[in-house]
Each structure stands twice: as C-alpha cells, then as structure tokens.
Amino acid sequence: MKARILFVDDDPDILSFGATILKDAGHQVQVASCGDIAAILLEQGLGFELLITDIVMPGRLDGFALADSARALQPDIRIIYSTGFAEVARIRCRGAVYGEFLRKPWRSADLLQSVAAALRHPVGDPVRSP
C-alpha cells in the first residue's frame, strides 16, 4: 500500500535518508524539520495517511503534541513515533495519540516494515511502548 506521508525530524540527515527510502518505495513524502512546520502543513489539509515524527524536537510542538494535533485535524491519520530516547518516550507517552514506535537508529528495512505495519493497523489501536 502506497501512502501520502508527512515525515518530521529535526536531524537533516535522518530526514533526507528517510524521505529517500520512502520515495524509493513509491510513497509520496512531504518533509518537515520540526513539529511547528509540520502542523502548518497539516492545517493546510494536504490529506496525509501517515505521520512519522521524531518525539524530541525544537519548537513549540514535540512529536506527541504534533500527533495529537494531526489526529484532531485528520482522525484517520496513522502515527509512527521515531525516537532515540526510549526512556523519555516511555515516560511521556502516557495519554499520547495511538501509534507505532520506531527506535533510532533504524535501518531502511526497519522504516519500511514500520510503515507497512502502521498502514495495516486500524486507527485507534493503542500506542505500542518503545
């Protein structure tokens, strides 16, 4: 299943690498370097099917707040949280919008497998703990 994906990470290397992998797999990808920029893209109603977001980012919105905003605007959007800070994510994920977790550093296969799993699961499944 090919999807329209919003990919958000404050690390430009991860953002570029991930976007290339996703595009090579046939997905349509829009990137954003922080939650604040991603929120603007979501508010424009671009109709993303999947949000892949870092959790710890600069700006007003971290990944959990961004996911909450995304789900309010697009109730059917699926979420993948990508983080290298599993302990922070585990503490802060209470009450978070449902989604998958993808631990950094990830490989191409990990990203694609996580995307496929997220697109298969119904919206509203519980957050899978990091």
N, C-alpha and C. Protein backbone atom coordinates (compact mmCIF):
# COMPACT_ATOMS: atom_id res chain seq x y z
N MET A 1 0.84 -1.18 0.00
CA MET A 1 0.00 0.00 0.00
C MET A 1 0.88 1.25 0.00
N LYS A 2 0.71 2.08 -0.98
CA LYS A 2 1.46 3.33 -1.07
C LYS A 2 0.67 4.41 -0.35
N ALA A 3 1.37 5.33 0.28
CA ALA A 3 0.69 6.32 1.12
C ALA A 3 1.29 7.71 0.94
N ARG A 4 0.49 8.71 1.33
CA ARG A 4 0.98 10.08 1.45
C ARG A 4 1.48 10.23 2.88
N ILE A 5 2.76 10.52 3.01
CA ILE A 5 3.43 10.51 4.32
C ILE A 5 4.01 11.88 4.64
N LEU A 6 3.78 12.33 5.87
CA LEU A 6 4.44 13.51 6.41
C LEU A 6 5.54 13.00 7.34
N PHE A 7 6.79 13.28 6.99
CA PHE A 7 7.95 12.79 7.73
C PHE A 7 8.62 13.96 8.43
N VAL A 8 8.72 13.89 9.76
CA VAL A 8 9.19 15.01 10.56
C VAL A 8 10.37 14.60 11.44
N ASP A 9 11.48 15.30 11.29
CA ASP A 9 12.65 15.06 12.14
C ASP A 9 13.53 16.29 12.09
N ASP A 10 14.13 16.63 13.22
CA ASP A 10 14.99 17.81 13.26
C ASP A 10 16.41 17.53 12.80
N ASP A 11 16.76 16.27 12.58
CA ASP A 11 18.08 15.91 12.07
C ASP A 11 18.01 15.85 10.54
N PRO A 12 18.69 16.76 9.85
CA PRO A 12 18.58 16.80 8.38
C PRO A 12 19.04 15.53 7.69
N ASP A 13 20.02 14.82 8.28
CA ASP A 13 20.49 13.57 7.67
C ASP A 13 19.42 12.48 7.75
N ILE A 14 18.77 12.37 8.90
CA ILE A 14 17.69 11.39 9.06
C ILE A 14 16.53 11.74 8.14
N LEU A 15 16.21 13.01 8.08
CA LEU A 15 15.10 13.47 7.24
C LEU A 15 15.35 13.13 5.77
N SER A 16 16.53 13.41 5.29
CA SER A 16 16.88 13.14 3.90
C SER A 16 16.92 11.63 3.63
N PHE A 17 17.57 10.89 4.51
CA PHE A 17 17.69 9.44 4.35
C PHE A 17 16.31 8.77 4.36
N GLY A 18 15.50 9.12 5.34
CA GLY A 18 14.17 8.53 5.44
C GLY A 18 13.28 8.87 4.26
N ALA A 19 13.32 10.12 3.85
CA ALA A 19 12.50 10.55 2.70
C ALA A 19 12.90 9.80 1.44
N THR A 20 14.19 9.61 1.24
CA THR A 20 14.67 8.88 0.06
C THR A 20 14.18 7.43 0.08
N ILE A 21 14.28 6.78 1.23
CA ILE A 21 13.83 5.40 1.36
C ILE A 21 12.34 5.30 1.04
N LEU A 22 11.56 6.20 1.62
CA LEU A 22 10.11 6.17 1.42
C LEU A 22 9.73 6.47 -0.03
N LYS A 23 10.38 7.44 -0.63
CA LYS A 23 10.09 7.76 -2.04
C LYS A 23 10.48 6.61 -2.95
N ASP A 24 11.63 5.99 -2.68
CA ASP A 24 12.07 4.85 -3.49
C ASP A 24 11.09 3.69 -3.38
N ALA A 25 10.36 3.62 -2.27
CA ALA A 25 9.36 2.56 -2.08
C ALA A 25 8.01 2.93 -2.70
N GLY A 26 7.95 4.12 -3.31
CA GLY A 26 6.74 4.53 -4.02
C GLY A 26 5.79 5.42 -3.25
N HIS A 27 6.16 5.81 -2.04
CA HIS A 27 5.30 6.69 -1.25
C HIS A 27 5.48 8.15 -1.68
N GLN A 28 4.45 8.95 -1.47
CA GLN A 28 4.55 10.40 -1.64
C GLN A 28 4.96 10.97 -0.29
N VAL A 29 6.03 11.74 -0.25
CA VAL A 29 6.60 12.18 1.02
C VAL A 29 6.74 13.70 1.05
N GLN A 30 6.27 14.27 2.15
CA GLN A 30 6.49 15.68 2.47
C GLN A 30 7.31 15.70 3.75
N VAL A 31 8.37 16.50 3.78
CA VAL A 31 9.21 16.55 4.97
C VAL A 31 9.02 17.86 5.71
N ALA A 32 9.32 17.80 7.01
CA ALA A 32 9.31 19.00 7.85
C ALA A 32 10.39 18.82 8.91
N SER A 33 11.10 19.90 9.22
CA SER A 33 12.23 19.83 10.15
C SER A 33 11.84 20.06 11.61
N CYS A 34 10.57 20.31 11.87
CA CYS A 34 10.11 20.45 13.26
C CYS A 34 8.59 20.31 13.30
N GLY A 35 8.07 20.13 14.50
CA GLY A 35 6.64 19.96 14.68
C GLY A 35 5.84 21.18 14.26
N ASP A 36 6.40 22.35 14.47
CA ASP A 36 5.68 23.59 14.13
C ASP A 36 5.42 23.69 12.63
N ILE A 37 6.42 23.36 11.82
CA ILE A 37 6.26 23.39 10.36
C ILE A 37 5.29 22.30 9.93
N ALA A 38 5.42 21.12 10.53
CA ALA A 38 4.52 20.02 10.19
C ALA A 38 3.07 20.38 10.50
N ALA A 39 2.83 21.08 11.60
CA ALA A 39 1.47 21.48 11.97
C ALA A 39 0.87 22.40 10.91
N ILE A 40 1.68 23.28 10.36
CA ILE A 40 1.20 24.18 9.30
C ILE A 40 0.81 23.36 8.07
N LEU A 41 1.61 22.37 7.72
CA LEU A 41 1.28 21.52 6.57
C LEU A 41 -0.02 20.75 6.81
N LEU A 42 -0.19 20.25 8.02
CA LEU A 42 -1.43 19.54 8.35
C LEU A 42 -2.64 20.46 8.30
N GLU A 43 -2.46 21.69 8.78
CA GLU A 43 -3.57 22.65 8.78
C GLU A 43 -4.00 23.03 7.37
N GLN A 44 -3.12 22.85 6.40
CA GLN A 44 -3.46 23.15 5.01
C GLN A 44 -4.29 22.06 4.38
N GLY A 45 -4.57 20.98 5.12
CA GLY A 45 -5.45 19.93 4.64
C GLY A 45 -4.88 19.11 3.49
N LEU A 46 -3.61 18.82 3.53
CA LEU A 46 -2.97 18.09 2.42
C LEU A 46 -3.31 16.60 2.40
N GLY A 47 -4.01 16.10 3.38
CA GLY A 47 -4.51 14.74 3.36
C GLY A 47 -3.47 13.65 3.49
N PHE A 48 -2.67 13.69 4.53
CA PHE A 48 -1.68 12.65 4.76
C PHE A 48 -2.35 11.41 5.36
N GLU A 49 -1.84 10.25 4.98
CA GLU A 49 -2.34 9.00 5.55
C GLU A 49 -1.49 8.53 6.72
N LEU A 50 -0.24 9.03 6.77
CA LEU A 50 0.69 8.60 7.81
C LEU A 50 1.58 9.77 8.22
N LEU A 51 1.76 9.90 9.53
CA LEU A 51 2.70 10.86 10.11
C LEU A 51 3.80 10.07 10.78
N ILE A 52 5.03 10.31 10.34
CA ILE A 52 6.20 9.74 11.01
C ILE A 52 6.90 10.91 11.69
N THR A 53 6.97 10.88 13.01
CA THR A 53 7.50 12.03 13.71
C THR A 53 8.53 11.65 14.77
N ASP A 54 9.59 12.43 14.81
CA ASP A 54 10.52 12.38 15.92
C ASP A 54 9.74 12.83 17.15
N ILE A 55 10.20 12.47 18.33
CA ILE A 55 9.50 12.90 19.54
C ILE A 55 10.13 14.15 20.12
N VAL A 56 11.43 14.13 20.33
CA VAL A 56 12.13 15.26 20.93
C VAL A 56 12.64 16.17 19.82
N MET A 57 11.98 17.34 19.70
CA MET A 57 12.33 18.30 18.65
C MET A 57 12.27 19.72 19.21
N PRO A 58 12.99 20.63 18.58
CA PRO A 58 12.89 22.03 19.00
C PRO A 58 11.54 22.61 18.57
N GLY A 59 11.18 23.71 19.18
CA GLY A 59 9.93 24.37 18.80
C GLY A 59 8.84 24.14 19.81
N ARG A 60 7.67 24.59 19.46
CA ARG A 60 6.51 24.54 20.34
C ARG A 60 5.96 23.13 20.50
N LEU A 61 6.00 22.33 19.43
CA LEU A 61 5.38 21.01 19.43
C LEU A 61 6.42 19.89 19.41
N ASP A 62 6.34 18.99 20.41
CA ASP A 62 7.13 17.77 20.31
C ASP A 62 6.32 16.77 19.50
N GLY A 63 6.83 15.57 19.31
CA GLY A 63 6.15 14.59 18.48
C GLY A 63 4.78 14.19 18.99
N PHE A 64 4.63 14.08 20.32
CA PHE A 64 3.33 13.71 20.88
C PHE A 64 2.29 14.80 20.67
N ALA A 65 2.69 16.05 20.89
CA ALA A 65 1.77 17.18 20.66
C ALA A 65 1.41 17.29 19.18
N LEU A 66 2.38 17.07 18.31
CA LEU A 66 2.12 17.10 16.88
C LEU A 66 1.13 16.00 16.49
N ALA A 67 1.31 14.80 17.01
CA ALA A 67 0.40 13.70 16.71
C ALA A 67 -1.02 14.01 17.18
N ASP A 68 -1.13 14.62 18.34
CA ASP A 68 -2.44 15.00 18.86
C ASP A 68 -3.11 16.00 17.93
N SER A 69 -2.35 16.98 17.48
CA SER A 69 -2.86 17.99 16.55
C SER A 69 -3.24 17.35 15.21
N ALA A 70 -2.39 16.44 14.74
CA ALA A 70 -2.66 15.77 13.46
C ALA A 70 -3.95 14.96 13.55
N ARG A 71 -4.14 14.23 14.63
CA ARG A 71 -5.33 13.41 14.77
C ARG A 71 -6.59 14.27 14.91
N ALA A 72 -6.46 15.45 15.52
CA ALA A 72 -7.61 16.35 15.62
C ALA A 72 -8.03 16.86 14.24
N LEU A 73 -7.05 17.09 13.38
CA LEU A 73 -7.33 17.58 12.03
C LEU A 73 -7.70 16.46 11.06
N GLN A 74 -7.08 15.31 11.21
CA GLN A 74 -7.28 14.16 10.32
C GLN A 74 -7.45 12.91 11.18
N PRO A 75 -8.66 12.62 11.61
CA PRO A 75 -8.89 11.50 12.54
C PRO A 75 -8.39 10.14 12.05
N ASP A 76 -8.25 9.95 10.75
CA ASP A 76 -7.81 8.66 10.22
C ASP A 76 -6.31 8.56 9.98
N ILE A 77 -5.56 9.60 10.33
CA ILE A 77 -4.11 9.55 10.09
C ILE A 77 -3.47 8.54 11.05
N ARG A 78 -2.55 7.78 10.51
CA ARG A 78 -1.80 6.84 11.34
C ARG A 78 -0.50 7.51 11.77
N ILE A 79 0.04 7.04 12.90
CA ILE A 79 1.19 7.70 13.51
C ILE A 79 2.32 6.69 13.75
N ILE A 80 3.54 7.11 13.43
CA ILE A 80 4.74 6.40 13.86
C ILE A 80 5.61 7.40 14.60
N TYR A 81 5.98 7.05 15.82
CA TYR A 81 6.90 7.87 16.61
C TYR A 81 8.29 7.28 16.45
N SER A 82 9.25 8.10 16.05
CA SER A 82 10.63 7.66 15.88
C SER A 82 11.48 8.37 16.92
N THR A 83 12.22 7.59 17.71
CA THR A 83 12.99 8.22 18.78
C THR A 83 14.25 7.44 19.12
N GLY A 84 15.24 8.18 19.53
CA GLY A 84 16.45 7.60 20.09
C GLY A 84 16.45 7.71 21.59
N PHE A 85 15.40 8.27 22.14
CA PHE A 85 15.27 8.50 23.58
C PHE A 85 14.11 7.67 24.12
N ALA A 86 14.29 6.35 24.15
CA ALA A 86 13.20 5.46 24.54
C ALA A 86 12.70 5.73 25.95
N GLU A 87 13.59 6.04 26.88
CA GLU A 87 13.15 6.30 28.25
C GLU A 87 12.28 7.55 28.34
N VAL A 88 12.68 8.60 27.64
CA VAL A 88 11.87 9.82 27.61
C VAL A 88 10.51 9.53 26.99
N ALA A 89 10.53 8.80 25.89
CA ALA A 89 9.27 8.47 25.20
C ALA A 89 8.37 7.64 26.09
N ARG A 90 8.93 6.68 26.81
CA ARG A 90 8.13 5.80 27.66
C ARG A 90 7.43 6.61 28.75
N ILE A 91 8.11 7.58 29.31
CA ILE A 91 7.53 8.42 30.36
C ILE A 91 6.48 9.36 29.79
N ARG A 92 6.79 9.96 28.65
CA ARG A 92 5.91 10.99 28.09
C ARG A 92 4.78 10.44 27.24
N CYS A 93 4.79 9.13 26.92
CA CYS A 93 3.78 8.61 26.00
C CYS A 93 2.42 8.40 26.65
N ARG A 94 2.33 8.50 27.96
CA ARG A 94 1.03 8.33 28.62
C ARG A 94 0.05 9.36 28.09
N GLY A 95 -1.07 8.88 27.63
CA GLY A 95 -2.09 9.78 27.08
C GLY A 95 -1.82 10.21 25.65
N ALA A 96 -0.76 9.67 25.04
CA ALA A 96 -0.42 10.07 23.67
C ALA A 96 -1.39 9.45 22.67
N VAL A 97 -1.49 10.09 21.52
CA VAL A 97 -2.27 9.56 20.41
C VAL A 97 -1.69 8.21 20.03
N TYR A 98 -2.56 7.31 19.64
CA TYR A 98 -2.14 5.96 19.29
C TYR A 98 -1.15 5.95 18.13
N GLY A 99 -0.22 5.00 18.18
CA GLY A 99 0.75 4.87 17.11
C GLY A 99 1.77 3.79 17.35
N GLU A 100 2.62 3.61 16.39
CA GLU A 100 3.73 2.66 16.43
C GLU A 100 4.97 3.39 16.93
N PHE A 101 5.95 2.63 17.43
CA PHE A 101 7.24 3.20 17.78
C PHE A 101 8.32 2.60 16.90
N LEU A 102 9.24 3.45 16.46
CA LEU A 102 10.39 3.05 15.66
C LEU A 102 11.63 3.62 16.34
N ARG A 103 12.44 2.73 16.88
CA ARG A 103 13.63 3.19 17.62
C ARG A 103 14.76 3.58 16.68
N LYS A 104 15.39 4.69 17.01
CA LYS A 104 16.59 5.13 16.30
C LYS A 104 17.80 4.51 16.98
N PRO A 105 18.84 4.22 16.28
CA PRO A 105 18.96 4.34 14.82
C PRO A 105 18.25 3.17 14.14
N TRP A 106 17.55 3.48 13.07
CA TRP A 106 16.85 2.45 12.31
C TRP A 106 17.52 2.27 10.96
N ARG A 107 17.26 1.12 10.37
CA ARG A 107 17.76 0.82 9.03
C ARG A 107 16.61 0.98 8.04
N SER A 108 16.92 0.95 6.78
CA SER A 108 15.89 1.08 5.74
C SER A 108 14.77 0.07 5.92
N ALA A 109 15.15 -1.17 6.14
CA ALA A 109 14.15 -2.24 6.30
C ALA A 109 13.27 -1.98 7.51
N ASP A 110 13.85 -1.45 8.59
CA ASP A 110 13.07 -1.15 9.80
C ASP A 110 12.00 -0.10 9.50
N LEU A 111 12.40 0.95 8.79
CA LEU A 111 11.47 2.02 8.46
C LEU A 111 10.34 1.49 7.59
N LEU A 112 10.68 0.75 6.55
CA LEU A 112 9.65 0.24 5.64
C LEU A 112 8.72 -0.76 6.32
N GLN A 113 9.27 -1.57 7.20
CA GLN A 113 8.45 -2.53 7.94
C GLN A 113 7.49 -1.80 8.89
N SER A 114 7.98 -0.77 9.55
CA SER A 114 7.14 0.02 10.45
C SER A 114 6.02 0.73 9.71
N VAL A 115 6.34 1.26 8.53
CA VAL A 115 5.32 1.92 7.71
C VAL A 115 4.26 0.92 7.28
N ALA A 116 4.67 -0.25 6.82
CA ALA A 116 3.71 -1.27 6.40
C ALA A 116 2.81 -1.69 7.56
N ALA A 117 3.40 -1.86 8.74
CA ALA A 117 2.61 -2.26 9.92
C ALA A 117 1.62 -1.16 10.31
N ALA A 118 2.07 0.08 10.29
CA ALA A 118 1.18 1.19 10.66
C ALA A 118 0.01 1.30 9.70
N LEU A 119 0.26 1.10 8.43
CA LEU A 119 -0.80 1.22 7.44
C LEU A 119 -1.79 0.05 7.52
N ARG A 120 -1.34 -1.09 8.05
CA ARG A 120 -2.22 -2.25 8.22
C ARG A 120 -3.12 -2.13 9.43
N HIS A 121 -2.62 -1.51 10.52
CA HIS A 121 -3.38 -1.44 11.77
C HIS A 121 -4.50 -0.42 11.70
N PRO A 122 -5.64 -0.75 12.28
CA PRO A 122 -6.73 0.23 12.32
C PRO A 122 -6.35 1.43 13.18
N VAL A 123 -6.86 2.58 12.81
CA VAL A 123 -6.64 3.78 13.62
C VAL A 123 -7.31 3.54 14.96
N GLY A 124 -6.63 3.91 16.02
CA GLY A 124 -7.21 3.74 17.35
C GLY A 124 -6.60 2.60 18.13
N ASP A 125 -5.72 1.79 17.49
CA ASP A 125 -5.02 0.78 18.27
C ASP A 125 -4.13 1.48 19.28
N PRO A 126 -3.85 0.86 20.41
CA PRO A 126 -3.06 1.53 21.44
C PRO A 126 -1.63 1.80 21.01
N VAL A 127 -1.04 2.81 21.65
CA VAL A 127 0.38 3.11 21.44
C VAL A 127 1.19 1.90 21.84
N ARG A 128 2.11 1.51 20.98
CA ARG A 128 2.99 0.42 21.32
C ARG A 128 4.20 1.00 22.00
N SER A 129 4.44 0.59 23.22
CA SER A 129 5.50 1.16 24.06
C SER A 129 6.86 1.00 23.42
N PRO A 130 7.69 2.03 23.53
CA PRO A 130 9.05 1.95 22.97
C PRO A 130 9.91 0.94 23.71
